[in-house]
């Protein structure tokens, strides 16, 4: 049975919902998974010429998303929200699985997205050329770095992780 990732992404309502689509895609495509991840939302600033959408630190269990591009998307093209979040979460999830080479991760993300969602899907277009979406992701001609990133953890992010009381 083939999973309809496009439909699942369309029906996703929250960041954890989108992440479940990401994990399902990776598991079905490359047979790898990882549990116990957390999502942190932070103001990482605005870098128009050096885009910074999110990151994963090797050895950690936290994916961090920059809130600024999400804010900018809602102001310019709200329909980019899910495809963009899908793209960034997929990219960082692939890093969390041990793929560290940035070029390899970009290529893998593009291939996975194209195969799952199709060539015309906004997530595939973002994966193929993030640069062409910059005006919707960053504030033009203004760069700033916040004094305090204010990391906020998203509750119940990785639903498939087993929780227990020690």
N, C-alpha and C. Protein backbone atom coordinates (compact mmCIF):
# COMPACT_ATOMS: atom_id res chain seq x y z
N UNK A 1 0.84 -1.19 0.00
CA UNK A 1 0.00 0.00 0.00
C UNK A 1 0.89 1.25 0.00
N UNK A 2 0.66 2.12 -0.94
CA UNK A 2 1.44 3.35 -1.07
C UNK A 2 0.83 4.43 -0.17
N UNK A 3 1.68 5.12 0.57
CA UNK A 3 1.23 6.19 1.46
C UNK A 3 1.07 7.47 0.66
N UNK A 4 -0.03 8.15 0.84
CA UNK A 4 -0.28 9.42 0.16
C UNK A 4 0.28 10.55 1.03
N UNK A 5 1.56 10.84 0.83
CA UNK A 5 2.23 11.86 1.65
C UNK A 5 1.68 13.25 1.37
N UNK A 6 1.27 13.50 0.14
CA UNK A 6 0.71 14.80 -0.20
C UNK A 6 -0.57 15.05 0.60
N UNK A 7 -1.43 14.06 0.65
CA UNK A 7 -2.68 14.17 1.42
C UNK A 7 -2.38 14.31 2.92
N UNK A 8 -1.46 13.50 3.41
CA UNK A 8 -1.10 13.58 4.84
C UNK A 8 -0.56 14.96 5.20
N UNK A 9 0.26 15.54 4.32
CA UNK A 9 0.79 16.87 4.60
C UNK A 9 -0.34 17.91 4.53
N UNK A 10 -1.21 17.78 3.55
CA UNK A 10 -2.35 18.71 3.44
C UNK A 10 -3.22 18.66 4.69
N UNK A 11 -3.40 17.48 5.25
CA UNK A 11 -4.26 17.31 6.43
C UNK A 11 -3.57 17.66 7.74
N UNK A 12 -2.25 17.78 7.73
CA UNK A 12 -1.50 18.12 8.95
C UNK A 12 -1.93 19.50 9.45
N UNK A 13 -2.10 19.60 10.76
CA UNK A 13 -2.55 20.86 11.34
C UNK A 13 -1.52 21.50 12.26
N UNK A 14 -0.60 20.70 12.76
CA UNK A 14 0.37 21.20 13.74
C UNK A 14 1.79 20.81 13.32
N UNK A 15 2.76 21.39 13.98
CA UNK A 15 4.16 21.02 13.73
C UNK A 15 4.39 19.53 14.01
N UNK A 16 3.87 18.98 15.12
CA UNK A 16 4.03 17.53 15.31
C UNK A 16 3.37 16.71 14.20
N UNK A 17 2.23 17.16 13.68
CA UNK A 17 1.59 16.45 12.55
C UNK A 17 2.51 16.42 11.34
N UNK A 18 3.12 17.56 11.03
CA UNK A 18 4.03 17.64 9.88
C UNK A 18 5.24 16.74 10.11
N UNK A 19 5.74 16.72 11.34
CA UNK A 19 6.89 15.88 11.65
C UNK A 19 6.56 14.40 11.50
N UNK A 20 5.34 14.00 11.83
CA UNK A 20 4.94 12.60 11.63
C UNK A 20 4.97 12.22 10.15
N UNK A 21 4.60 13.16 9.28
CA UNK A 21 4.68 12.91 7.84
C UNK A 21 6.15 12.74 7.43
N UNK A 22 7.01 13.61 7.95
CA UNK A 22 8.45 13.54 7.66
C UNK A 22 9.01 12.18 8.08
N UNK A 23 8.73 11.78 9.31
CA UNK A 23 9.28 10.51 9.81
C UNK A 23 8.76 9.31 9.02
N UNK A 24 7.49 9.35 8.67
CA UNK A 24 6.90 8.27 7.88
C UNK A 24 7.56 8.18 6.51
N UNK A 25 7.78 9.32 5.89
CA UNK A 25 8.44 9.36 4.58
C UNK A 25 9.85 8.77 4.66
N UNK A 26 10.62 9.19 5.64
CA UNK A 26 12.00 8.71 5.77
C UNK A 26 12.02 7.21 6.06
N UNK A 27 11.15 6.77 6.95
CA UNK A 27 11.09 5.33 7.27
C UNK A 27 10.74 4.50 6.04
N UNK A 28 9.75 4.96 5.27
CA UNK A 28 9.33 4.18 4.11
C UNK A 28 10.31 4.28 2.94
N UNK A 29 11.09 5.35 2.88
CA UNK A 29 12.00 5.57 1.75
C UNK A 29 13.39 5.02 1.98
N UNK A 30 13.95 5.28 3.15
CA UNK A 30 15.34 4.84 3.38
C UNK A 30 15.47 3.89 4.56
N UNK A 31 14.34 3.57 5.20
CA UNK A 31 14.34 2.55 6.24
C UNK A 31 15.03 2.95 7.53
N UNK A 32 15.12 4.24 7.78
CA UNK A 32 15.76 4.70 9.00
C UNK A 32 14.79 5.56 9.80
N UNK A 33 14.98 5.52 11.13
CA UNK A 33 14.17 6.37 11.99
C UNK A 33 14.94 6.67 13.26
N UNK A 34 14.43 7.64 13.97
CA UNK A 34 15.03 8.01 15.24
C UNK A 34 13.92 8.58 16.11
N UNK A 35 13.87 8.17 17.33
CA UNK A 35 12.87 8.69 18.26
C UNK A 35 13.50 9.62 19.28
N UNK A 36 12.66 10.23 20.06
CA UNK A 36 13.14 11.06 21.17
C UNK A 36 13.58 12.45 20.80
N UNK A 37 13.21 12.92 19.62
CA UNK A 37 13.60 14.27 19.23
C UNK A 37 12.64 15.30 19.80
N UNK A 38 13.17 16.47 20.05
CA UNK A 38 12.38 17.61 20.50
C UNK A 38 12.51 18.71 19.47
N UNK A 39 11.52 19.60 19.44
CA UNK A 39 11.56 20.75 18.55
C UNK A 39 11.58 22.00 19.39
N UNK A 40 12.59 22.82 19.14
CA UNK A 40 12.68 24.12 19.77
C UNK A 40 12.42 25.20 18.75
N UNK A 41 11.63 26.18 19.15
CA UNK A 41 11.36 27.35 18.30
C UNK A 41 12.13 28.51 18.91
N UNK A 42 12.87 29.25 18.07
CA UNK A 42 13.69 30.33 18.59
C UNK A 42 13.78 31.47 17.58
N UNK A 43 13.99 32.65 18.08
CA UNK A 43 14.26 33.81 17.24
C UNK A 43 15.76 33.78 16.96
N UNK A 44 16.12 33.28 15.79
CA UNK A 44 17.53 33.17 15.42
C UNK A 44 17.99 34.36 14.60
N UNK A 45 17.11 35.35 14.47
CA UNK A 45 17.47 36.55 13.73
C UNK A 45 17.13 36.44 12.26
N UNK A 46 17.58 37.43 11.53
CA UNK A 46 17.29 37.55 10.11
C UNK A 46 18.60 37.80 9.37
N UNK A 47 18.92 36.92 8.45
CA UNK A 47 20.14 37.06 7.65
C UNK A 47 19.77 36.95 6.18
N UNK A 48 19.42 38.06 5.52
CA UNK A 48 18.96 38.00 4.14
C UNK A 48 19.93 37.34 3.17
N UNK A 49 21.22 37.46 3.40
CA UNK A 49 22.19 36.90 2.47
C UNK A 49 22.81 35.59 2.98
N UNK A 50 22.48 35.22 4.20
CA UNK A 50 22.98 33.97 4.77
C UNK A 50 21.87 33.27 5.49
N UNK A 51 20.92 32.76 4.75
CA UNK A 51 19.68 32.19 5.29
C UNK A 51 19.93 31.19 6.40
N UNK A 52 19.10 31.23 7.44
CA UNK A 52 19.24 30.38 8.60
C UNK A 52 17.85 29.94 9.06
N UNK A 53 17.35 28.83 8.49
CA UNK A 53 15.99 28.38 8.77
C UNK A 53 15.86 27.48 9.98
N UNK A 54 16.92 26.77 10.30
CA UNK A 54 16.89 25.87 11.44
C UNK A 54 18.22 25.14 11.53
N UNK A 55 18.35 24.33 12.58
CA UNK A 55 19.57 23.54 12.72
C UNK A 55 19.35 22.36 13.63
N UNK A 56 20.25 21.40 13.51
CA UNK A 56 20.33 20.26 14.40
C UNK A 56 21.77 20.16 14.85
N UNK A 57 22.00 20.08 16.15
CA UNK A 57 23.36 19.94 16.68
C UNK A 57 23.66 18.47 16.89
N UNK A 58 24.73 18.00 16.26
CA UNK A 58 25.13 16.61 16.39
C UNK A 58 25.34 16.27 17.87
N UNK A 59 24.81 15.14 18.26
CA UNK A 59 24.94 14.70 19.64
C UNK A 59 23.79 15.16 20.52
N UNK A 60 22.89 15.94 19.95
CA UNK A 60 21.75 16.42 20.73
C UNK A 60 20.49 15.68 20.29
N UNK A 61 19.37 16.06 20.85
CA UNK A 61 18.09 15.51 20.41
C UNK A 61 17.10 16.63 20.13
N UNK A 62 17.63 17.81 19.76
CA UNK A 62 16.77 18.97 19.51
C UNK A 62 16.98 19.52 18.11
N UNK A 63 15.88 19.62 17.38
CA UNK A 63 15.85 20.36 16.12
C UNK A 63 15.36 21.76 16.50
N UNK A 64 16.03 22.78 16.00
CA UNK A 64 15.62 24.15 16.29
C UNK A 64 15.18 24.82 15.00
N UNK A 65 13.98 25.40 15.03
CA UNK A 65 13.46 26.16 13.89
C UNK A 65 13.52 27.64 14.22
N UNK A 66 13.93 28.43 13.24
CA UNK A 66 13.94 29.88 13.36
C UNK A 66 12.51 30.39 13.18
N UNK A 67 12.00 31.13 14.15
CA UNK A 67 10.63 31.65 14.08
C UNK A 67 10.48 32.77 13.05
N UNK A 68 11.56 33.45 12.71
CA UNK A 68 11.48 34.61 11.81
C UNK A 68 10.98 34.22 10.42
N UNK A 69 11.52 33.18 9.77
CA UNK A 69 10.97 32.80 8.46
C UNK A 69 9.49 32.41 8.53
N UNK A 70 9.08 31.77 9.61
CA UNK A 70 7.68 31.39 9.75
C UNK A 70 6.79 32.63 9.85
N UNK A 71 7.27 33.62 10.58
CA UNK A 71 6.55 34.89 10.69
C UNK A 71 6.47 35.58 9.33
N UNK A 72 7.58 35.59 8.62
CA UNK A 72 7.63 36.24 7.30
C UNK A 72 6.69 35.53 6.31
N UNK A 73 6.68 34.21 6.34
CA UNK A 73 5.79 33.45 5.46
C UNK A 73 4.33 33.84 5.70
N UNK A 74 3.95 33.96 6.95
CA UNK A 74 2.56 34.29 7.27
C UNK A 74 2.20 35.70 6.78
N UNK A 75 3.19 36.56 6.64
CA UNK A 75 2.96 37.92 6.14
C UNK A 75 2.94 37.99 4.62
N UNK A 76 3.63 37.08 3.96
CA UNK A 76 3.78 37.18 2.50
C UNK A 76 3.01 36.12 1.74
N UNK A 77 3.20 34.84 2.10
CA UNK A 77 2.54 33.73 1.38
C UNK A 77 2.24 32.59 2.36
N UNK A 78 1.13 32.70 3.08
CA UNK A 78 0.80 31.68 4.09
C UNK A 78 0.74 30.25 3.54
N UNK A 79 0.45 30.10 2.26
CA UNK A 79 0.37 28.75 1.69
C UNK A 79 1.74 28.05 1.67
N UNK A 80 2.81 28.79 1.92
CA UNK A 80 4.15 28.20 1.99
C UNK A 80 4.45 27.58 3.35
N UNK A 81 3.61 27.84 4.34
CA UNK A 81 3.92 27.43 5.72
C UNK A 81 4.19 25.92 5.83
N UNK A 82 3.23 25.10 5.46
CA UNK A 82 3.41 23.64 5.60
C UNK A 82 4.55 23.12 4.72
N UNK A 83 4.60 23.52 3.43
CA UNK A 83 5.71 23.03 2.61
C UNK A 83 7.09 23.44 3.16
N UNK A 84 7.18 24.67 3.66
CA UNK A 84 8.45 25.14 4.20
C UNK A 84 8.81 24.37 5.47
N UNK A 85 7.87 24.23 6.39
CA UNK A 85 8.14 23.51 7.64
C UNK A 85 8.50 22.06 7.32
N UNK A 86 7.77 21.45 6.41
CA UNK A 86 8.08 20.08 5.97
C UNK A 86 9.53 20.01 5.49
N UNK A 87 9.90 20.95 4.65
CA UNK A 87 11.25 20.96 4.08
C UNK A 87 12.32 21.07 5.18
N UNK A 88 12.17 22.03 6.07
CA UNK A 88 13.18 22.25 7.11
C UNK A 88 13.23 21.06 8.07
N UNK A 89 12.07 20.56 8.48
CA UNK A 89 12.06 19.41 9.40
C UNK A 89 12.67 18.18 8.73
N UNK A 90 12.37 17.95 7.46
CA UNK A 90 12.96 16.82 6.75
C UNK A 90 14.48 16.98 6.69
N UNK A 91 14.93 18.16 6.34
CA UNK A 91 16.37 18.43 6.25
C UNK A 91 17.06 18.15 7.59
N UNK A 92 16.52 18.70 8.65
CA UNK A 92 17.16 18.54 9.96
C UNK A 92 17.01 17.11 10.49
N UNK A 93 15.90 16.45 10.18
CA UNK A 93 15.72 15.06 10.60
C UNK A 93 16.76 14.17 9.92
N UNK A 94 17.02 14.41 8.65
CA UNK A 94 18.06 13.65 7.94
C UNK A 94 19.41 13.86 8.63
N UNK A 95 19.71 15.10 9.02
CA UNK A 95 20.94 15.35 9.79
C UNK A 95 20.95 14.52 11.08
N UNK A 96 19.81 14.47 11.76
CA UNK A 96 19.74 13.75 13.04
C UNK A 96 20.00 12.26 12.89
N UNK A 97 19.84 11.74 11.68
CA UNK A 97 20.07 10.32 11.41
C UNK A 97 21.53 10.03 11.09
N UNK A 98 22.37 11.06 11.16
CA UNK A 98 23.80 10.86 10.97
C UNK A 98 24.35 11.33 9.64
N UNK A 99 23.52 11.88 8.78
CA UNK A 99 24.00 12.43 7.52
C UNK A 99 24.46 13.86 7.79
N UNK A 100 25.75 14.10 7.71
CA UNK A 100 26.29 15.39 8.11
C UNK A 100 26.70 16.27 6.95
N UNK A 101 26.99 15.68 5.80
CA UNK A 101 27.40 16.46 4.64
C UNK A 101 26.22 17.26 4.10
N UNK A 102 26.34 18.57 4.10
CA UNK A 102 25.23 19.45 3.72
C UNK A 102 24.75 19.20 2.29
N UNK A 103 25.67 19.02 1.35
CA UNK A 103 25.30 18.75 -0.04
C UNK A 103 24.55 17.44 -0.18
N UNK A 104 25.01 16.42 0.52
CA UNK A 104 24.35 15.12 0.48
C UNK A 104 22.94 15.22 1.07
N UNK A 105 22.80 15.97 2.16
CA UNK A 105 21.48 16.12 2.79
C UNK A 105 20.53 16.88 1.86
N UNK A 106 21.00 17.95 1.26
CA UNK A 106 20.15 18.71 0.32
C UNK A 106 19.67 17.83 -0.83
N UNK A 107 20.58 17.05 -1.37
CA UNK A 107 20.24 16.16 -2.49
C UNK A 107 19.23 15.10 -2.05
N UNK A 108 19.46 14.51 -0.89
CA UNK A 108 18.55 13.48 -0.37
C UNK A 108 17.17 14.07 -0.10
N UNK A 109 17.13 15.28 0.48
CA UNK A 109 15.85 15.94 0.76
C UNK A 109 15.10 16.22 -0.54
N UNK A 110 15.79 16.70 -1.55
CA UNK A 110 15.14 16.97 -2.83
C UNK A 110 14.58 15.68 -3.43
N UNK A 111 15.37 14.61 -3.45
CA UNK A 111 14.92 13.34 -4.01
C UNK A 111 13.71 12.79 -3.26
N UNK A 112 13.79 12.78 -1.94
CA UNK A 112 12.69 12.26 -1.13
C UNK A 112 11.41 13.07 -1.35
N UNK A 113 11.56 14.40 -1.36
CA UNK A 113 10.39 15.28 -1.51
C UNK A 113 9.76 15.11 -2.89
N UNK A 114 10.59 15.08 -3.91
CA UNK A 114 10.09 14.93 -5.29
C UNK A 114 9.35 13.61 -5.45
N UNK A 115 9.92 12.53 -4.91
CA UNK A 115 9.29 11.21 -5.03
C UNK A 115 7.99 11.13 -4.23
N UNK A 116 7.93 11.79 -3.08
CA UNK A 116 6.75 11.69 -2.22
C UNK A 116 5.64 12.66 -2.60
N UNK A 117 6.01 13.87 -3.01
CA UNK A 117 5.01 14.92 -3.21
C UNK A 117 4.85 15.36 -4.66
N UNK A 118 5.79 14.98 -5.50
CA UNK A 118 5.72 15.36 -6.90
C UNK A 118 6.52 16.61 -7.22
N UNK A 119 6.85 16.73 -8.47
CA UNK A 119 7.71 17.81 -8.97
C UNK A 119 7.12 19.21 -8.74
N UNK A 120 5.79 19.33 -8.82
CA UNK A 120 5.15 20.65 -8.76
C UNK A 120 4.83 21.12 -7.34
N UNK A 121 4.95 20.25 -6.36
CA UNK A 121 4.60 20.63 -4.99
C UNK A 121 5.52 21.73 -4.49
N UNK A 122 4.97 22.65 -3.70
CA UNK A 122 5.77 23.76 -3.16
C UNK A 122 6.96 23.27 -2.34
N UNK A 123 6.80 22.18 -1.60
CA UNK A 123 7.93 21.65 -0.81
C UNK A 123 9.07 21.20 -1.72
N UNK A 124 8.72 20.61 -2.87
CA UNK A 124 9.74 20.19 -3.84
C UNK A 124 10.42 21.41 -4.45
N UNK A 125 9.64 22.43 -4.76
CA UNK A 125 10.22 23.65 -5.31
C UNK A 125 11.16 24.32 -4.30
N UNK A 126 10.77 24.33 -3.03
CA UNK A 126 11.64 24.90 -1.98
C UNK A 126 12.92 24.07 -1.88
N UNK A 127 12.79 22.74 -1.89
CA UNK A 127 13.97 21.87 -1.79
C UNK A 127 14.89 22.06 -2.99
N UNK A 128 14.31 22.32 -4.15
CA UNK A 128 15.11 22.49 -5.36
C UNK A 128 15.79 23.83 -5.46
N UNK A 129 15.17 24.86 -4.89
CA UNK A 129 15.73 26.21 -5.00
C UNK A 129 15.20 27.11 -3.88
N UNK A 130 15.74 26.92 -2.71
CA UNK A 130 15.33 27.75 -1.57
C UNK A 130 15.53 29.23 -1.88
N UNK A 131 16.58 29.52 -2.65
CA UNK A 131 16.91 30.91 -2.99
C UNK A 131 15.75 31.64 -3.66
N UNK A 132 14.99 30.93 -4.49
CA UNK A 132 13.90 31.59 -5.20
C UNK A 132 12.72 31.94 -4.29
N UNK A 133 12.75 31.46 -3.06
CA UNK A 133 11.69 31.76 -2.08
C UNK A 133 12.15 32.75 -1.01
N UNK A 134 13.37 33.25 -1.13
CA UNK A 134 13.94 34.09 -0.08
C UNK A 134 13.08 35.29 0.29
N UNK A 135 12.48 35.94 -0.68
CA UNK A 135 11.69 37.14 -0.37
C UNK A 135 10.51 36.81 0.54
N UNK A 136 10.14 35.53 0.61
CA UNK A 136 9.05 35.12 1.49
C UNK A 136 9.56 34.54 2.81
N UNK A 137 10.87 34.36 2.93
CA UNK A 137 11.46 33.73 4.11
C UNK A 137 12.24 34.69 5.00
N UNK A 138 12.73 35.76 4.42
CA UNK A 138 13.53 36.72 5.19
C UNK A 138 13.04 38.13 4.92
N UNK A 139 13.32 38.99 5.87
CA UNK A 139 13.02 40.41 5.68
C UNK A 139 14.17 40.99 4.86
N UNK A 140 13.86 41.65 3.74
CA UNK A 140 14.92 42.13 2.84
C UNK A 140 15.75 43.25 3.47
N UNK A 141 17.03 43.22 3.17
CA UNK A 141 17.96 44.30 3.50
C UNK A 141 18.05 44.62 4.98
N UNK A 142 17.64 43.71 5.84
CA UNK A 142 17.75 43.94 7.28
C UNK A 142 18.33 42.68 7.90
N UNK A 143 19.47 42.83 8.56
CA UNK A 143 20.05 41.70 9.27
C UNK A 143 20.10 42.03 10.75
N UNK A 144 19.73 41.07 11.56
CA UNK A 144 19.85 41.26 13.00
C UNK A 144 20.04 39.92 13.67
N UNK A 145 20.68 39.98 14.80
CA UNK A 145 20.85 38.82 15.65
C UNK A 145 20.24 39.18 16.99
N UNK A 146 19.34 38.37 17.50
CA UNK A 146 18.67 38.70 18.75
C UNK A 146 19.61 38.60 19.95
N UNK A 147 19.31 39.39 20.96
CA UNK A 147 20.08 39.29 22.22
C UNK A 147 19.76 37.99 22.94
N UNK A 148 18.50 37.56 22.82
CA UNK A 148 18.05 36.34 23.48
C UNK A 148 17.21 35.55 22.48
N UNK A 149 17.61 34.33 22.21
CA UNK A 149 16.88 33.52 21.24
C UNK A 149 15.55 33.03 21.80
N UNK A 150 15.42 32.93 23.11
CA UNK A 150 14.16 32.53 23.73
C UNK A 150 13.65 31.19 23.24
N UNK A 151 14.43 30.14 23.38
CA UNK A 151 14.06 28.81 22.91
C UNK A 151 12.79 28.32 23.61
N UNK A 152 11.79 27.96 22.81
CA UNK A 152 10.53 27.40 23.32
C UNK A 152 10.38 25.99 22.76
N UNK A 153 10.18 25.01 23.64
CA UNK A 153 10.00 23.64 23.18
C UNK A 153 8.54 23.40 22.80
N UNK A 154 8.33 22.71 21.69
CA UNK A 154 6.99 22.35 21.22
C UNK A 154 6.58 21.08 21.95
N UNK A 155 5.44 21.13 22.62
CA UNK A 155 4.95 19.99 23.39
C UNK A 155 4.52 18.85 22.46
N UNK A 156 4.76 17.61 22.91
CA UNK A 156 4.33 16.40 22.19
C UNK A 156 4.80 16.38 20.75
N UNK A 157 6.03 16.81 20.52
CA UNK A 157 6.55 16.90 19.16
C UNK A 157 6.75 15.53 18.52
N UNK A 158 7.52 14.67 19.17
CA UNK A 158 7.84 13.36 18.60
C UNK A 158 6.91 12.33 19.22
N UNK A 159 5.77 12.16 18.61
CA UNK A 159 4.70 11.33 19.19
C UNK A 159 5.03 9.86 19.27
N UNK A 160 5.89 9.40 18.40
CA UNK A 160 6.17 7.96 18.39
C UNK A 160 7.21 7.58 19.43
N UNK A 161 7.78 8.54 20.12
CA UNK A 161 8.74 8.24 21.17
C UNK A 161 8.01 7.66 22.37
N UNK A 162 8.67 6.73 23.01
CA UNK A 162 8.08 6.13 24.20
C UNK A 162 8.40 7.03 25.38
N UNK A 163 7.37 7.39 26.12
CA UNK A 163 7.63 8.16 27.34
C UNK A 163 7.47 7.25 28.53
N UNK A 164 8.27 7.46 29.52
CA UNK A 164 8.20 6.64 30.73
C UNK A 164 8.64 7.48 31.90
N UNK A 165 8.31 7.00 33.08
CA UNK A 165 8.72 7.67 34.30
C UNK A 165 9.81 6.81 34.94
N UNK A 166 10.97 7.43 35.18
CA UNK A 166 12.08 6.68 35.75
C UNK A 166 12.08 6.81 37.26
